[in-house]
Protein backbone atom coordinates (compact mmCIF):
# COMPACT_ATOMS: atom_id res chain seq x y z
CA MET A 1 0.00 0.00 0.00
CA ARG A 2 2.76 2.45 0.87
CA GLN A 3 4.33 1.94 -2.55
CA PHE A 4 1.14 3.06 -4.30
CA ASP A 5 -0.06 5.79 -1.93
CA LEU A 6 1.05 8.60 -4.25
CA ASP A 7 -0.74 11.71 -5.46
CA LEU A 8 -0.19 11.70 -9.24
CA ASP A 9 -2.41 14.74 -9.78
CA PRO A 10 -1.44 17.32 -7.10
CA GLN A 11 -2.87 20.19 -9.16
CA GLY A 12 -6.23 18.43 -9.48
CA PRO A 13 -9.39 19.02 -7.47
CA TYR A 14 -8.95 20.01 -3.83
CA ARG A 15 -8.73 17.20 -1.26
CA LEU A 16 -8.35 17.30 2.51
CA HIS A 17 -6.41 14.06 2.00
CA PRO A 18 -5.60 12.68 -1.48
CA GLY A 19 -4.43 9.25 -0.29
CA ALA A 20 -5.80 5.99 -1.63
CA PHE A 21 -5.49 3.90 1.50
CA PHE A 22 -7.38 4.14 4.76
CA VAL A 23 -7.55 1.62 7.56
CA LYS A 24 -10.80 0.76 9.34
CA MET A 25 -10.38 -0.61 12.84
CA MET A 26 -13.14 -2.38 14.70
CA LYS A 27 -13.60 -4.07 18.03
CA ARG A 28 -12.47 -7.66 18.17
CA HIS A 29 -15.13 -10.18 17.09
CA SER A 30 -17.27 -7.44 15.46
CA ALA A 31 -19.35 -8.07 12.37
CA ALA A 32 -17.82 -6.67 9.17
CA SER A 33 -20.70 -4.21 8.90
CA ALA A 34 -20.17 -2.87 12.43
CA ALA A 35 -19.16 0.71 13.06
CA GLY A 36 -15.47 1.36 13.46
CA ILE A 37 -12.89 4.09 13.29
CA VAL A 38 -10.89 5.10 10.22
CA VAL A 39 -7.40 6.56 9.85
CA SER A 40 -5.32 7.18 6.76
CA LEU A 41 -2.35 4.96 6.05
CA GLY A 42 -0.06 7.93 6.67
CA HIS A 43 -1.68 8.59 10.06
CA LEU A 44 -1.28 4.93 11.04
CA ASP A 45 2.39 5.00 9.97
CA HIS A 46 2.91 8.16 12.02
CA MET A 47 1.45 6.59 15.15
CA LEU A 48 3.43 3.39 14.68
CA GLY A 49 6.62 5.37 14.06
CA ASN A 50 6.18 7.21 17.34
CA GLY A 51 6.23 3.90 19.21
CA GLY A 52 2.58 4.11 20.17
CA MET A 53 -0.11 1.52 19.69
CA ARG A 54 1.82 -1.33 21.31
CA GLY A 55 0.27 -3.84 23.65
CA VAL A 56 1.88 -5.30 26.75
CA ARG A 57 3.38 -8.16 24.71
CA GLY A 58 4.61 -5.92 21.90
CA GLY A 59 1.76 -6.50 19.45
CA LEU A 60 -0.40 -3.83 17.82
CA ARG A 61 -3.00 -2.42 20.22
CA VAL A 62 -5.33 0.37 19.22
CA ASP A 63 -7.44 2.18 21.77
CA HIS A 64 -9.31 5.46 21.83
CA ALA A 65 -6.94 6.96 24.42
CA GLU A 66 -3.93 6.30 22.17
CA LEU A 67 -5.70 7.93 19.21
CA ASP A 68 -6.52 10.96 21.37
CA GLY A 69 -9.59 11.76 19.29
CA HIS A 70 -7.64 11.81 16.00
CA TYR A 71 -9.72 9.49 13.87
CA LEU A 72 -12.90 9.45 11.82
CA ARG A 73 -15.95 7.37 12.53
CA SER A 74 -16.99 5.21 9.59
CA GLU A 75 -20.06 7.31 8.79
CA ALA A 76 -18.09 10.57 8.68
CA PHE A 77 -15.43 8.96 6.49
CA VAL A 78 -18.06 7.77 4.00
CA GLU A 79 -19.51 11.28 3.82
CA LEU A 80 -16.07 12.78 3.16
CA VAL A 81 -15.48 10.28 0.34
CA ARG A 82 -18.94 10.97 -1.09
CA SER A 83 -18.33 14.71 -1.10
CA GLY A 84 -14.89 14.32 -2.71
CA TYR A 85 -12.90 15.67 0.24
CA VAL A 86 -10.84 12.51 0.71
CA GLY A 87 -9.61 9.97 -1.79
CA THR A 88 -7.56 9.96 -4.94
CA ARG A 89 -7.71 12.43 -7.79
CA GLY A 90 -8.11 11.57 -11.49
CA ALA A 91 -4.60 10.50 -12.53
CA THR A 92 -4.05 8.47 -9.36
CA THR A 93 -7.45 6.81 -9.67
CA ARG A 94 -6.76 5.84 -13.30
CA HIS A 95 -3.34 4.47 -12.35
CA LEU A 96 -4.74 2.37 -9.51
CA GLN A 97 -7.60 1.18 -11.71
CA SER A 98 -5.16 -0.07 -14.38
CA MET A 99 -3.13 -1.92 -11.73
CA ILE A 100 -6.30 -3.51 -10.34
CA GLU A 101 -7.40 -4.61 -13.82
CA ALA A 102 -3.95 -6.11 -14.53
CA THR A 103 -4.05 -7.99 -11.23
CA LEU A 104 -7.51 -9.38 -11.96
CA ASN A 105 -6.43 -10.41 -15.46
CA GLU A 106 -3.69 -12.51 -13.83
CA GLY A 107 -6.36 -14.40 -11.87
CA ARG A 108 -5.52 -12.78 -8.55
CA ALA A 109 -7.96 -11.14 -6.11
CA VAL A 110 -8.27 -7.45 -5.30
CA VAL A 111 -10.39 -5.53 -2.81
CA ALA A 112 -10.95 -1.91 -3.85
CA ALA A 113 -13.53 0.85 -4.01
CA ILE A 114 -13.74 3.36 -6.84
CA HIS A 115 -16.31 6.13 -6.71
CA HIS A 116 -17.72 7.41 -9.98
CA SER A 117 -19.61 10.67 -10.17
CA PHE A 118 -22.56 10.61 -12.55
CA ARG A 119 -23.32 14.26 -13.24
């Protein structure tokens, strides 16, 4: 993900965050449709780089206190994507789409979301 989290169209439409990758975290044993919290890949890397988010045995542990309120709830994230404030711009979206298509043509699996505006 880090290799492909590039903004190939920095002069394109305004974005609060032009990244392609966001991480949704949910409580253990939650249903996939359950509410969760969302952070960008860059935000997650920042927190991990600062030595935070470690459990007592050294594994990854995410809690609300560690995030200190710096996260989005799933519903707010969806609204930001819908309104075009977060997510990739044109050139980046086209690049990722071509990589996804090439991967699928090789018989491999991909999980992705691409929003199209029908104006």
